[in-house]
Amino acid sequence: MSRSIDVLVLGGAGVDTIIRVPELPLPYADSYMIEDGIRARAGQTGDFVALGLTALGLRTHHLDLLGDDPEGDLVRALHEEHGIALTAIPQPAGTKRAVNLVGPDGRRLSLYDSSRGHPDDRFPEDVLRPLAEASRHVHVSITQPCAHTLPLLRESGATISTDLHNWDGENPYHEPFAHAADVVFLSATALTDPEAVMRRIAERGRAEVVVATAGADGAHLLADGELTHVPAVPPPAPVVDSNGAGDAFAAAFLHGRLTGEPPRRCALYGAIAGAYACTVPSTRAAAIDRAELLARVREAESAPASRRPTAQCP
C-alpha cells in the first residue's frame, strides 16, 4: 500500500485570542489595561503539531472541521502560509476558538468555547479512510469528533499517537484515546502518581511508549517496560510563552520515531523542540526546523552531564 503521507493530524484546528496579563491567577478587578493588545491568531493543538511536523520535513496532512467564518479563514491562511496540506470539513457551529491568558513567566490559562461543536459531529468516512490508508502515522487530537475515528484508524494499518494533555488519570473521556494509541503523550501537571498512570495506560491499551511531560522538570518516558527520566534542556532564548510547547515536543518525538530513532533519543528531540517553542511569542506561529533540531541534539549529547542546565519553560 502506498503511504504518501508521513503523518495525518486529526482534529485540533482553531483560533486562540491571546491576552497578556500582569499575573496568574488574575486578581479580580473591574478592568485591566492590556498594553500588548488583544490578538486572535490561528493555532490550537492540531495546528501546532502539524506546523512542527512540517518544519521538520515530514509530509503532513491536517484534517478537521472548520466553520465558514473569520476564524476558519485564519486557520486556512496559517496552513497555506506554511505549506501544510489541509482538508476542512464544513462545521455549521463554527471554528473552534479559545482565549489564552498568558502571564509574565509564560504560563497560560486557556478558556475554550465548547459551543463550537456537537457530540454527533463526525468525519465523513469517504474522506477519512483514504487519508488514513495513505498515512504512515496518525496523530489524534482529543477534540470532537476524533473519538469516533479510532476503530477506522486501527483498520487503516497506520500507527497512532495522541496527546491527553492535562488528564487527571480518571476522566473516562480520555481512555479510548489512551488505549487505542501506540504512542501516548500527556502532561504530568494533574497527576499525583505519573508512573502509575503511565503503566496503567500501557497495560490496558496498545501503547509501546508513554511520555509524561513535566515542564522544567523534563519528562518521564515509559518504553519497553522501563521508566526513565529525560532532563529538560536550556531554551535558546528567553522564555516568553509555554503555549504549544507540548505540541512541539510531540511533533519532534514523532519525527524521531518515524526516522527510526530509539525512544530516549526521540524524547531528547521533543525536549529540545519544546524548549524552543517556549521562546516563541504566543502571537506568532513558528517551529524549530530539522537542521536546528539536529544541531541542538548534537550539542546536548556532546555536553558533559554536569554542564547540562535545565530549561525554565513552565
C-alpha atoms as a PDB file:
ATOM      1  CA  MET A   1       0.000   0.000   0.000  1.00  0.00           C
ATOM      2  CA  SER A   2       1.313   3.456  -0.931  1.00  0.00           C
ATOM      3  CA  ARG A   3       1.875   5.737   2.057  1.00  0.00           C
ATOM      4  CA  SER A   4       2.228   9.198   0.547  1.00  0.00           C
ATOM      5  CA  ILE A   5       1.594  10.988   3.869  1.00  0.00           C
ATOM      6  CA  ASP A   6       4.015  10.665   6.786  1.00  0.00           C
ATOM      7  CA  VAL A   7       1.602  11.983   9.424  1.00  0.00           C
ATOM      8  CA  LEU A   8      -2.110  12.679   9.271  1.00  0.00           C
ATOM      9  CA  VAL A   9      -3.035  15.114  12.055  1.00  0.00           C
ATOM     10  CA  LEU A  10      -6.634  14.662  13.067  1.00  0.00           C
ATOM     11  CA  GLY A  11      -8.557  17.469  14.777  1.00  0.00           C
ATOM     12  CA  GLY A  12      -7.323  20.312  16.942  1.00  0.00           C
ATOM     13  CA  ALA A  13      -7.687  23.174  14.442  1.00  0.00           C
ATOM     14  CA  GLY A  14      -8.806  26.515  15.810  1.00  0.00           C
ATOM     15  CA  VAL A  15      -8.087  30.078  16.820  1.00  0.00           C
ATOM     16  CA  ASP A  16      -6.779  31.461  20.110  1.00  0.00           C
ATOM     17  CA  THR A  17      -7.235  35.006  21.366  1.00  0.00           C
ATOM     18  CA  ILE A  18      -4.082  35.936  23.285  1.00  0.00           C
ATOM     19  CA  ILE A  19      -4.232  38.277  26.275  1.00  0.00           C
ATOM     20  CA  ARG A  20      -1.050  39.029  28.222  1.00  0.00           C
ATOM     21  CA  VAL A  21      -1.949  39.649  31.846  1.00  0.00           C
ATOM     22  CA  PRO A  22       0.193  41.044  34.701  1.00  0.00           C
ATOM     23  CA  GLU A  23      -0.064  37.847  36.758  1.00  0.00           C
ATOM     24  CA  LEU A  24      -1.735  34.456  37.052  1.00  0.00           C
ATOM     25  CA  PRO A  25      -4.044  33.816  38.750  1.00  0.00           C
ATOM     26  CA  LEU A  26      -5.517  37.160  37.749  1.00  0.00           C
ATOM     27  CA  PRO A  27      -6.943  39.030  40.760  1.00  0.00           C
ATOM     28  CA  TYR A  28     -10.460  40.322  40.386  1.00  0.00           C
ATOM     29  CA  ALA A  29     -10.729  43.885  39.121  1.00  0.00           C
ATOM     30  CA  ASP A  30     -13.368  45.858  37.267  1.00  0.00           C
ATOM     31  CA  SER A  31     -10.994  46.297  34.330  1.00  0.00           C
ATOM     32  CA  TYR A  32      -7.411  45.822  33.136  1.00  0.00           C
ATOM     33  CA  MET A  33      -5.475  47.775  30.536  1.00  0.00           C
ATOM     34  CA  ILE A  34      -3.721  45.331  28.165  1.00  0.00           C
ATOM     35  CA  GLU A  35      -0.623  47.099  26.844  1.00  0.00           C
ATOM     36  CA  ASP A  36       0.383  44.362  24.395  1.00  0.00           C
ATOM     37  CA  GLY A  37      -3.050  44.349  22.802  1.00  0.00           C
ATOM     38  CA  ILE A  38      -5.588  41.545  22.414  1.00  0.00           C
ATOM     39  CA  ARG A  39      -4.864  39.433  19.351  1.00  0.00           C
ATOM     40  CA  ALA A  40      -6.512  36.491  17.661  1.00  0.00           C
ATOM     41  CA  ARG A  41      -4.264  34.045  15.808  1.00  0.00           C
ATOM     42  CA  ALA A  42      -4.705  30.626  14.296  1.00  0.00           C
ATOM     43  CA  GLY A  43      -3.126  27.763  16.184  1.00  0.00           C
ATOM     44  CA  GLN A  44      -4.530  25.153  18.534  1.00  0.00           C
ATOM     45  CA  THR A  45      -3.082  21.752  19.360  1.00  0.00           C
ATOM     46  CA  GLY A  46      -3.555  20.083  15.966  1.00  0.00           C
ATOM     47  CA  ASP A  47      -2.351  23.159  14.110  1.00  0.00           C
ATOM     48  CA  PHE A  48       0.823  23.332  16.203  1.00  0.00           C
ATOM     49  CA  VAL A  49       1.591  19.617  15.803  1.00  0.00           C
ATOM     50  CA  ALA A  50       1.097  19.916  12.033  1.00  0.00           C
ATOM     51  CA  LEU A  51       3.302  23.025  11.974  1.00  0.00           C
ATOM     52  CA  GLY A  52       6.058  21.276  13.934  1.00  0.00           C
ATOM     53  CA  LEU A  53       5.981  18.157  11.761  1.00  0.00           C
ATOM     54  CA  THR A  54       6.100  20.190   8.558  1.00  0.00           C
ATOM     55  CA  ALA A  55       9.015  22.307   9.793  1.00  0.00           C
ATOM     56  CA  LEU A  56      10.889  19.050  10.454  1.00  0.00           C
ATOM     57  CA  GLY A  57      10.383  17.901   6.879  1.00  0.00           C
ATOM     58  CA  LEU A  58       7.615  15.336   7.304  1.00  0.00           C
ATOM     59  CA  ARG A  59       4.831  15.080   4.738  1.00  0.00           C
ATOM     60  CA  THR A  60       1.910  16.251   6.833  1.00  0.00           C
ATOM     61  CA  HIS A  61      -1.830  16.465   6.220  1.00  0.00           C
ATOM     62  CA  HIS A  62      -4.318  18.040   8.628  1.00  0.00           C
ATOM     63  CA  LEU A  63      -7.996  17.057   8.734  1.00  0.00           C
ATOM     64  CA  ASP A  64     -10.616  18.813  10.841  1.00  0.00           C
ATOM     65  CA  LEU A  65     -13.962  20.570  10.875  1.00  0.00           C
ATOM     66  CA  LEU A  66     -13.853  24.318  10.165  1.00  0.00           C
ATOM     67  CA  GLY A  67     -16.527  26.960  10.025  1.00  0.00           C
ATOM     68  CA  ASP A  68     -17.177  29.381   7.183  1.00  0.00           C
ATOM     69  CA  ASP A  69     -16.174  32.247   9.451  1.00  0.00           C
ATOM     70  CA  PRO A  70     -13.249  34.615  10.120  1.00  0.00           C
ATOM     71  CA  GLU A  71     -11.664  32.085  12.482  1.00  0.00           C
ATOM     72  CA  GLY A  72     -11.775  29.420   9.790  1.00  0.00           C
ATOM     73  CA  ASP A  73     -10.150  31.837   7.363  1.00  0.00           C
ATOM     74  CA  LEU A  74      -7.283  32.370   9.844  1.00  0.00           C
ATOM     75  CA  VAL A  75      -6.723  28.609  10.113  1.00  0.00           C
ATOM     76  CA  ARG A  76      -6.748  28.167   6.339  1.00  0.00           C
ATOM     77  CA  ALA A  77      -4.292  31.038   5.943  1.00  0.00           C
ATOM     78  CA  LEU A  78      -1.911  29.532   8.517  1.00  0.00           C
ATOM     79  CA  HIS A  79      -1.793  26.239   6.632  1.00  0.00           C
ATOM     80  CA  GLU A  80      -1.332  27.934   3.280  1.00  0.00           C
ATOM     81  CA  GLU A  81       1.480  30.133   4.625  1.00  0.00           C
ATOM     82  CA  HIS A  82       3.427  27.151   5.969  1.00  0.00           C
ATOM     83  CA  GLY A  83       2.642  24.717   3.154  1.00  0.00           C
ATOM     84  CA  ILE A  84       0.593  22.327   5.296  1.00  0.00           C
ATOM     85  CA  ALA A  85      -1.997  20.278   3.405  1.00  0.00           C
ATOM     86  CA  LEU A  86      -5.440  20.831   4.916  1.00  0.00           C
ATOM     87  CA  THR A  87      -8.773  19.115   4.383  1.00  0.00           C
ATOM     88  CA  ALA A  88     -11.517  21.160   6.047  1.00  0.00           C
ATOM     89  CA  ILE A  89     -14.944  19.614   6.612  1.00  0.00           C
ATOM     90  CA  PRO A  90     -17.692  22.286   6.924  1.00  0.00           C
ATOM     91  CA  GLN A  91     -18.700  22.925  10.531  1.00  0.00           C
ATOM     92  CA  PRO A  92     -22.016  24.808  10.838  1.00  0.00           C
ATOM     93  CA  ALA A  93     -21.338  25.538  14.519  1.00  0.00           C
ATOM     94  CA  GLY A  94     -18.192  27.453  13.586  1.00  0.00           C
ATOM     95  CA  THR A  95     -14.445  27.064  14.039  1.00  0.00           C
ATOM     96  CA  LYS A  96     -13.125  26.130  17.482  1.00  0.00           C
ATOM     97  CA  ARG A  97     -11.753  29.050  19.485  1.00  0.00           C
ATOM     98  CA  ALA A  98     -10.293  29.808  22.882  1.00  0.00           C
ATOM     99  CA  VAL A  99      -8.976  32.686  24.984  1.00  0.00           C
ATOM    100  CA  ASN A 100      -5.466  32.291  26.431  1.00  0.00           C
ATOM    101  CA  LEU A 101      -4.426  34.402  29.409  1.00  0.00           C
ATOM    102  CA  VAL A 102      -0.607  34.471  29.399  1.00  0.00           C
ATOM    103  CA  GLY A 103       1.368  35.522  32.495  1.00  0.00           C
ATOM    104  CA  PRO A 104       4.776  37.254  32.567  1.00  0.00           C
ATOM    105  CA  ASP A 105       6.520  33.917  33.211  1.00  0.00           C
ATOM    106  CA  GLY A 106       4.949  32.306  30.140  1.00  0.00           C
ATOM    107  CA  ARG A 107       2.331  30.252  31.970  1.00  0.00           C
ATOM    108  CA  ARG A 108      -1.151  30.290  30.490  1.00  0.00           C
ATOM    109  CA  LEU A 109      -4.792  29.763  31.373  1.00  0.00           C
ATOM    110  CA  SER A 110      -6.944  28.615  28.439  1.00  0.00           C
ATOM    111  CA  LEU A 111     -10.688  29.190  28.194  1.00  0.00           C
ATOM    112  CA  TYR A 112     -12.273  27.010  25.494  1.00  0.00           C
ATOM    113  CA  ASP A 113     -15.548  27.781  23.732  1.00  0.00           C
ATOM    114  CA  SER A 114     -17.329  24.427  23.954  1.00  0.00           C
ATOM    115  CA  SER A 115     -20.270  25.633  21.846  1.00  0.00           C
ATOM    116  CA  ARG A 116     -18.278  25.218  18.617  1.00  0.00           C
ATOM    117  CA  GLY A 117     -19.256  21.628  18.020  1.00  0.00           C
ATOM    118  CA  HIS A 118     -21.793  18.904  18.699  1.00  0.00           C
ATOM    119  CA  PRO A 119     -21.473  15.370  20.139  1.00  0.00           C
ATOM    120  CA  ASP A 120     -22.915  13.958  16.915  1.00  0.00           C
ATOM    121  CA  ASP A 121     -20.239  15.545  14.700  1.00  0.00           C
ATOM    122  CA  ARG A 122     -18.421  13.016  12.507  1.00  0.00           C
ATOM    123  CA  PHE A 123     -15.687  12.969   9.879  1.00  0.00           C
ATOM    124  CA  PRO A 124     -17.116  11.556   6.621  1.00  0.00           C
ATOM    125  CA  GLU A 125     -15.726   8.049   6.194  1.00  0.00           C
ATOM    126  CA  ASP A 126     -15.168   8.574   2.467  1.00  0.00           C
ATOM    127  CA  VAL A 127     -12.820  11.439   3.374  1.00  0.00           C
ATOM    128  CA  LEU A 128     -11.131   9.959   6.441  1.00  0.00           C
ATOM    129  CA  ARG A 129     -10.468   6.415   5.230  1.00  0.00           C
ATOM    130  CA  PRO A 130      -8.399   7.267   2.112  1.00  0.00           C
ATOM    131  CA  LEU A 131      -6.322   9.765   4.083  1.00  0.00           C
ATOM    132  CA  ALA A 132      -5.692   7.270   6.904  1.00  0.00           C
ATOM    133  CA  GLU A 133      -4.782   4.492   4.471  1.00  0.00           C
ATOM    134  CA  ALA A 134      -2.321   6.830   2.730  1.00  0.00           C
ATOM    135  CA  SER A 135      -0.609   7.709   6.041  1.00  0.00           C
ATOM    136  CA  ARG A 136       2.257   6.059   7.872  1.00  0.00           C
ATOM    137  CA  HIS A 137       1.079   7.547  11.149  1.00  0.00           C
ATOM    138  CA  VAL A 138      -1.960   9.391  12.539  1.00  0.00           C
ATOM    139  CA  HIS A 139      -1.770  11.861  15.431  1.00  0.00           C
ATOM    140  CA  VAL A 140      -5.208  12.149  17.021  1.00  0.00           C
ATOM    141  CA  SER A 141      -6.331  15.200  18.986  1.00  0.00           C
ATOM    142  CA  ILE A 142      -8.780  14.543  21.816  1.00  0.00           C
ATOM    143  CA  THR A 143     -11.251  17.044  20.386  1.00  0.00           C
ATOM    144  CA  GLN A 144     -14.609  16.009  18.973  1.00  0.00           C
ATOM    145  CA  PRO A 145     -15.268  14.093  16.763  1.00  0.00           C
ATOM    146  CA  CYS A 146     -11.928  12.282  16.868  1.00  0.00           C
ATOM    147  CA  ALA A 147     -13.006   9.604  19.374  1.00  0.00           C
ATOM    148  CA  HIS A 148     -15.326   8.119  16.748  1.00  0.00           C
ATOM    149  CA  THR A 149     -12.445   7.614  14.304  1.00  0.00           C
ATOM    150  CA  LEU A 150     -10.347   5.233  16.393  1.00  0.00           C
ATOM    151  CA  PRO A 151     -11.707   1.886  15.065  1.00  0.00           C
ATOM    152  CA  LEU A 152     -11.294   3.027  11.460  1.00  0.00           C
ATOM    153  CA  LEU A 153      -7.767   4.270  12.136  1.00  0.00           C
ATOM    154  CA  ARG A 154      -6.768   0.912  13.572  1.00  0.00           C
ATOM    155  CA  GLU A 155      -8.125  -0.792  10.438  1.00  0.00           C
ATOM    156  CA  SER A 156      -6.052   1.515   8.224  1.00  0.00           C
ATOM    157  CA  GLY A 157      -2.759  -0.022   9.338  1.00  0.00           C
ATOM    158  CA  ALA A 158      -1.270   3.339  10.340  1.00  0.00           C
ATOM    159  CA  THR A 159       0.314   3.702  13.751  1.00  0.00           C
ATOM    160  CA  ILE A 160      -1.434   6.132  16.118  1.00  0.00           C
ATOM    161  CA  SER A 161      -0.412   8.704  18.687  1.00  0.00           C
ATOM    162  CA  THR A 162      -2.455  11.006  20.895  1.00  0.00           C
ATOM    163  CA  ASP A 163      -1.923  13.730  23.477  1.00  0.00           C
ATOM    164  CA  LEU A 164      -4.092  13.543  26.602  1.00  0.00           C
ATOM    165  CA  HIS A 165      -2.818  16.960  27.747  1.00  0.00           C
ATOM    166  CA  ASN A 166      -3.568  17.605  31.442  1.00  0.00           C
ATOM    167  CA  TRP A 167      -5.543  14.398  32.048  1.00  0.00           C
ATOM    168  CA  ASP A 168      -6.062  13.569  35.720  1.00  0.00           C
ATOM    169  CA  GLY A 169      -5.856   9.833  35.083  1.00  0.00           C
ATOM    170  CA  GLU A 170      -9.547   9.376  35.939  1.00  0.00           C
ATOM    171  CA  ASN A 171     -11.752  11.194  33.411  1.00  0.00           C
ATOM    172  CA  PRO A 172     -13.254   8.408  31.239  1.00  0.00           C
ATOM    173  CA  TYR A 173     -13.428  10.633  28.148  1.00  0.00           C
ATOM    174  CA  HIS A 174      -9.671  10.261  27.619  1.00  0.00           C
ATOM    175  CA  GLU A 175      -9.494   6.485  27.996  1.00  0.00           C
ATOM    176  CA  PRO A 176     -10.449   5.428  24.427  1.00  0.00           C
ATOM    177  CA  PHE A 177      -7.667   7.656  23.089  1.00  0.00           C
ATOM    178  CA  ALA A 178      -5.155   6.378  25.642  1.00  0.00           C
ATOM    179  CA  HIS A 179      -5.936   2.737  24.934  1.00  0.00           C
ATOM    180  CA  ALA A 180      -6.026   2.942  21.113  1.00  0.00           C
ATOM    181  CA  ALA A 181      -2.696   4.736  20.582  1.00  0.00           C
ATOM    182  CA  ASP A 182       0.759   3.245  20.039  1.00  0.00           C
ATOM    183  CA  VAL A 183       2.362   6.410  21.461  1.00  0.00           C
ATOM    184  CA  VAL A 184       0.672   8.382  24.243  1.00  0.00           C
ATOM    185  CA  PHE A 185       1.688  11.858  25.364  1.00  0.00           C
ATOM    186  CA  LEU A 186       0.282  13.590  28.433  1.00  0.00           C
ATOM    187  CA  SER A 187       1.209  16.263  30.934  1.00  0.00           C
ATOM    188  CA  ALA A 188       2.215  15.308  34.461  1.00  0.00           C
ATOM    189  CA  THR A 189       0.596  18.502  35.803  1.00  0.00           C
ATOM    190  CA  ALA A 190      -2.601  16.894  37.104  1.00  0.00           C
ATOM    191  CA  LEU A 191      -1.105  13.508  38.043  1.00  0.00           C
ATOM    192  CA  THR A 192      -0.320  12.659  41.659  1.00  0.00           C
ATOM    193  CA  ASP A 193       1.462   9.462  40.566  1.00  0.00           C
ATOM    194  CA  PRO A 194       2.653   9.766  36.937  1.00  0.00           C
ATOM    195  CA  GLU A 195       4.311   6.347  36.885  1.00  0.00           C
ATOM    196  CA  ALA A 196       1.149   4.537  37.992  1.00  0.00           C
ATOM    197  CA  VAL A 197      -0.954   6.276  35.334  1.00  0.00           C
ATOM    198  CA  MET A 198       1.639   5.665  32.622  1.00  0.00           C
ATOM    199  CA  ARG A 199       1.914   1.971  33.445  1.00  0.00           C
ATOM    200  CA  ARG A 200      -1.868   1.635  33.525  1.00  0.00           C
ATOM    201  CA  ILE A 201      -2.087   3.147  30.035  1.00  0.00           C
ATOM    202  CA  ALA A 202       0.480   0.652  28.743  1.00  0.00           C
ATOM    203  CA  GLU A 203      -1.143  -2.321  30.488  1.00  0.00           C
ATOM    204  CA  ARG A 204      -4.707  -1.607  29.384  1.00  0.00           C
ATOM    205  CA  GLY A 205      -4.021  -0.379  25.868  1.00  0.00           C
ATOM    206  CA  ARG A 206      -1.680  -0.759  22.909  1.00  0.00           C
ATOM    207  CA  ALA A 207       0.900   1.870  23.838  1.00  0.00           C
ATOM    208  CA  GLU A 208       4.520   0.936  23.183  1.00  0.00           C
ATOM    209  CA  VAL A 209       5.658   4.312  24.511  1.00  0.00           C
ATOM    210  CA  VAL A 210       4.092   6.664  27.073  1.00  0.00           C
ATOM    211  CA  VAL A 211       5.564  10.112  27.739  1.00  0.00           C
ATOM    212  CA  ALA A 212       4.526  12.435  30.557  1.00  0.00           C
ATOM    213  CA  THR A 213       5.991  15.895  30.122  1.00  0.00           C
ATOM    214  CA  ALA A 214       6.793  17.923  33.231  1.00  0.00           C
ATOM    215  CA  GLY A 215       7.938  21.344  32.004  1.00  0.00           C
ATOM    216  CA  ALA A 216      11.175  22.494  33.622  1.00  0.00           C
ATOM    217  CA  ASP A 217      11.462  19.069  35.289  1.00  0.00           C
ATOM    218  CA  GLY A 218      11.837  17.368  31.929  1.00  0.00           C
ATOM    219  CA  ALA A 219       9.761  14.310  31.048  1.00  0.00           C
ATOM    220  CA  HIS A 220       9.025  10.752  32.189  1.00  0.00           C
ATOM    221  CA  LEU A 221       9.475   8.121  29.482  1.00  0.00           C
ATOM    222  CA  LEU A 222       7.996   4.617  29.667  1.00  0.00           C
ATOM    223  CA  ALA A 223       9.318   2.347  26.922  1.00  0.00           C
ATOM    224  CA  ASP A 224       9.889  -1.422  26.872  1.00  0.00           C
ATOM    225  CA  GLY A 225       8.550  -1.556  30.426  1.00  0.00           C
ATOM    226  CA  GLU A 226      11.297   0.723  31.747  1.00  0.00           C
ATOM    227  CA  LEU A 227      10.597   4.165  33.201  1.00  0.00           C
ATOM    228  CA  THR A 228      13.346   6.752  32.730  1.00  0.00           C
ATOM    229  CA  HIS A 229      13.666  10.486  33.314  1.00  0.00           C
ATOM    230  CA  VAL A 230      14.569  12.766  30.423  1.00  0.00           C
ATOM    231  CA  PRO A 231      16.067  16.070  31.663  1.00  0.00           C
ATOM    232  CA  ALA A 232      14.891  19.386  30.305  1.00  0.00           C
ATOM    233  CA  VAL A 233      17.236  21.317  28.026  1.00  0.00           C
ATOM    234  CA  PRO A 234      18.041  25.035  28.029  1.00  0.00           C
ATOM    235  CA  PRO A 235      15.939  27.175  25.689  1.00  0.00           C
ATOM    236  CA  PRO A 236      17.898  29.088  23.034  1.00  0.00           C
ATOM    237  CA  ALA A 237      16.389  32.444  24.092  1.00  0.00           C
ATOM    238  CA  PRO A 238      14.355  33.910  26.978  1.00  0.00           C
ATOM    239  CA  VAL A 239      11.111  32.084  27.752  1.00  0.00           C
ATOM    240  CA  VAL A 240       8.054  34.124  26.789  1.00  0.00           C
ATOM    241  CA  ASP A 241       5.183  31.641  26.441  1.00  0.00           C
ATOM    242  CA  SER A 242       4.622  27.948  27.117  1.00  0.00           C
ATOM    243  CA  ASN A 243       1.740  27.716  24.636  1.00  0.00           C
ATOM    244  CA  GLY A 244       2.464  24.990  22.076  1.00  0.00           C
ATOM    245  CA  ALA A 245       5.441  23.503  23.941  1.00  0.00           C
ATOM    246  CA  GLY A 246       3.732  20.145  24.413  1.00  0.00           C
ATOM    247  CA  ASP A 247       2.678  20.058  20.765  1.00  0.00           C
ATOM    248  CA  ALA A 248       6.255  20.853  19.695  1.00  0.00           C
ATOM    249  CA  PHE A 249       7.513  18.033  21.943  1.00  0.00           C
ATOM    250  CA  ALA A 250       5.078  15.587  20.345  1.00  0.00           C
ATOM    251  CA  ALA A 251       5.972  16.640  16.795  1.00  0.00           C
ATOM    252  CA  ALA A 252       9.717  16.270  17.354  1.00  0.00           C
ATOM    253  CA  PHE A 253       9.288  12.962  19.203  1.00  0.00           C
ATOM    254  CA  LEU A 254       7.255  11.609  16.273  1.00  0.00           C
ATOM    255  CA  HIS A 255       9.897  12.839  13.830  1.00  0.00           C
ATOM    256  CA  GLY A 256      12.466  10.787  15.729  1.00  0.00           C
ATOM    257  CA  ARG A 257      10.243   7.738  15.877  1.00  0.00           C
ATOM    258  CA  LEU A 258       9.391   7.841  12.176  1.00  0.00           C
ATOM    259  CA  THR A 259      13.076   8.145  11.275  1.00  0.00           C
ATOM    260  CA  GLY A 260      13.981   5.093  13.365  1.00  0.00           C
ATOM    261  CA  GLU A 261      15.442   6.679  16.494  1.00  0.00           C
ATOM    262  CA  PRO A 262      15.173   4.888  19.874  1.00  0.00           C
ATOM    263  CA  PRO A 263      12.651   6.269  22.401  1.00  0.00           C
ATOM    264  CA  ARG A 264      15.230   8.006  24.593  1.00  0.00           C
ATOM    265  CA  ARG A 265      16.602   9.986  21.648  1.00  0.00           C
ATOM    266  CA  CYS A 266      13.062  10.762  20.454  1.00  0.00           C
ATOM    267  CA  ALA A 267      12.399  12.247  23.891  1.00  0.00           C
ATOM    268  CA  LEU A 268      15.532  14.387  23.602  1.00  0.00           C
ATOM    269  CA  TYR A 269      14.222  15.643  20.243  1.00  0.00           C
ATOM    270  CA  GLY A 270      10.969  16.503  21.993  1.00  0.00           C
ATOM    271  CA  ALA A 271      12.656  18.291  24.890  1.00  0.00           C
ATOM    272  CA  ILE A 272      14.673  20.473  22.521  1.00  0.00           C
ATOM    273  CA  ALA A 273      11.660  21.366  20.366  1.00  0.00           C
ATOM    274  CA  GLY A 274       9.528  22.078  23.433  1.00  0.00           C
ATOM    275  CA  ALA A 275      12.166  24.418  24.868  1.00  0.00           C
ATOM    276  CA  TYR A 276      12.386  26.216  21.526  1.00  0.00           C
ATOM    277  CA  ALA A 277       8.602  26.676  21.461  1.00  0.00           C
ATOM    278  CA  CYS A 278       8.745  28.437  24.835  1.00  0.00           C
ATOM    279  CA  THR A 279      10.794  31.228  23.220  1.00  0.00           C
ATOM    280  CA  VAL A 280       8.182  31.972  20.533  1.00  0.00           C
ATOM    281  CA  PRO A 281       5.644  34.695  21.439  1.00  0.00           C
ATOM    282  CA  SER A 282       2.078  33.440  21.520  1.00  0.00           C
ATOM    283  CA  THR A 283       1.118  35.864  18.753  1.00  0.00           C
ATOM    284  CA  ARG A 284       3.427  34.032  16.311  1.00  0.00           C
ATOM    285  CA  ALA A 285       3.359  30.576  14.767  1.00  0.00           C
ATOM    286  CA  ALA A 286       6.866  29.169  14.372  1.00  0.00           C
ATOM    287  CA  ALA A 287       8.579  25.832  14.967  1.00  0.00           C
ATOM    288  CA  ILE A 288      12.136  24.542  15.086  1.00  0.00           C
ATOM    289  CA  ASP A 289      13.358  23.158  11.762  1.00  0.00           C
ATOM    290  CA  ARG A 290      15.225  19.909  11.193  1.00  0.00           C
ATOM    291  CA  ALA A 291      18.680  21.459  10.800  1.00  0.00           C
ATOM    292  CA  GLU A 292      18.468  23.401  14.051  1.00  0.00           C
ATOM    293  CA  LEU A 293      16.937  20.468  15.916  1.00  0.00           C
ATOM    294  CA  LEU A 294      19.734  18.100  14.914  1.00  0.00           C
ATOM    295  CA  ALA A 295      22.389  20.714  15.687  1.00  0.00           C
ATOM    296  CA  ARG A 296      20.988  21.159  19.189  1.00  0.00           C
ATOM    297  CA  VAL A 297      20.770  17.385  19.627  1.00  0.00           C
ATOM    298  CA  ARG A 298      24.467  17.054  18.811  1.00  0.00           C
ATOM    299  CA  GLU A 299      25.265  19.883  21.216  1.00  0.00           C
ATOM    300  CA  ALA A 300      23.206  18.320  24.014  1.00  0.00           C
ATOM    301  CA  GLU A 301      24.704  14.864  23.504  1.00  0.00           C
ATOM    302  CA  SER A 302      28.278  16.173  23.496  1.00  0.00           C
ATOM    303  CA  ALA A 303      27.947  18.296  26.654  1.00  0.00           C
ATOM    304  CA  PRO A 304      29.104  16.749  29.957  1.00  0.00           C
ATOM    305  CA  ALA A 305      26.159  15.842  32.166  1.00  0.00           C
ATOM    306  CA  SER A 306      27.296  18.276  34.871  1.00  0.00           C
ATOM    307  CA  ARG A 307      27.102  21.169  32.390  1.00  0.00           C
ATOM    308  CA  ARG A 308      23.593  20.497  31.105  1.00  0.00           C
ATOM    309  CA  PRO A 309      21.356  23.189  32.621  1.00  0.00           C
ATOM    310  CA  THR A 310      17.633  22.660  32.789  1.00  0.00           C
ATOM    311  CA  ALA A 311      15.121  24.751  30.910  1.00  0.00           C
ATOM    312  CA  GLN A 312      12.797  27.175  32.622  1.00  0.00           C
ATOM    313  CA  CYS A 313       9.816  26.534  30.369  1.00  0.00           C
ATOM    314  CA  PRO A 314       6.819  26.301  32.732  1.00  0.00           C
END
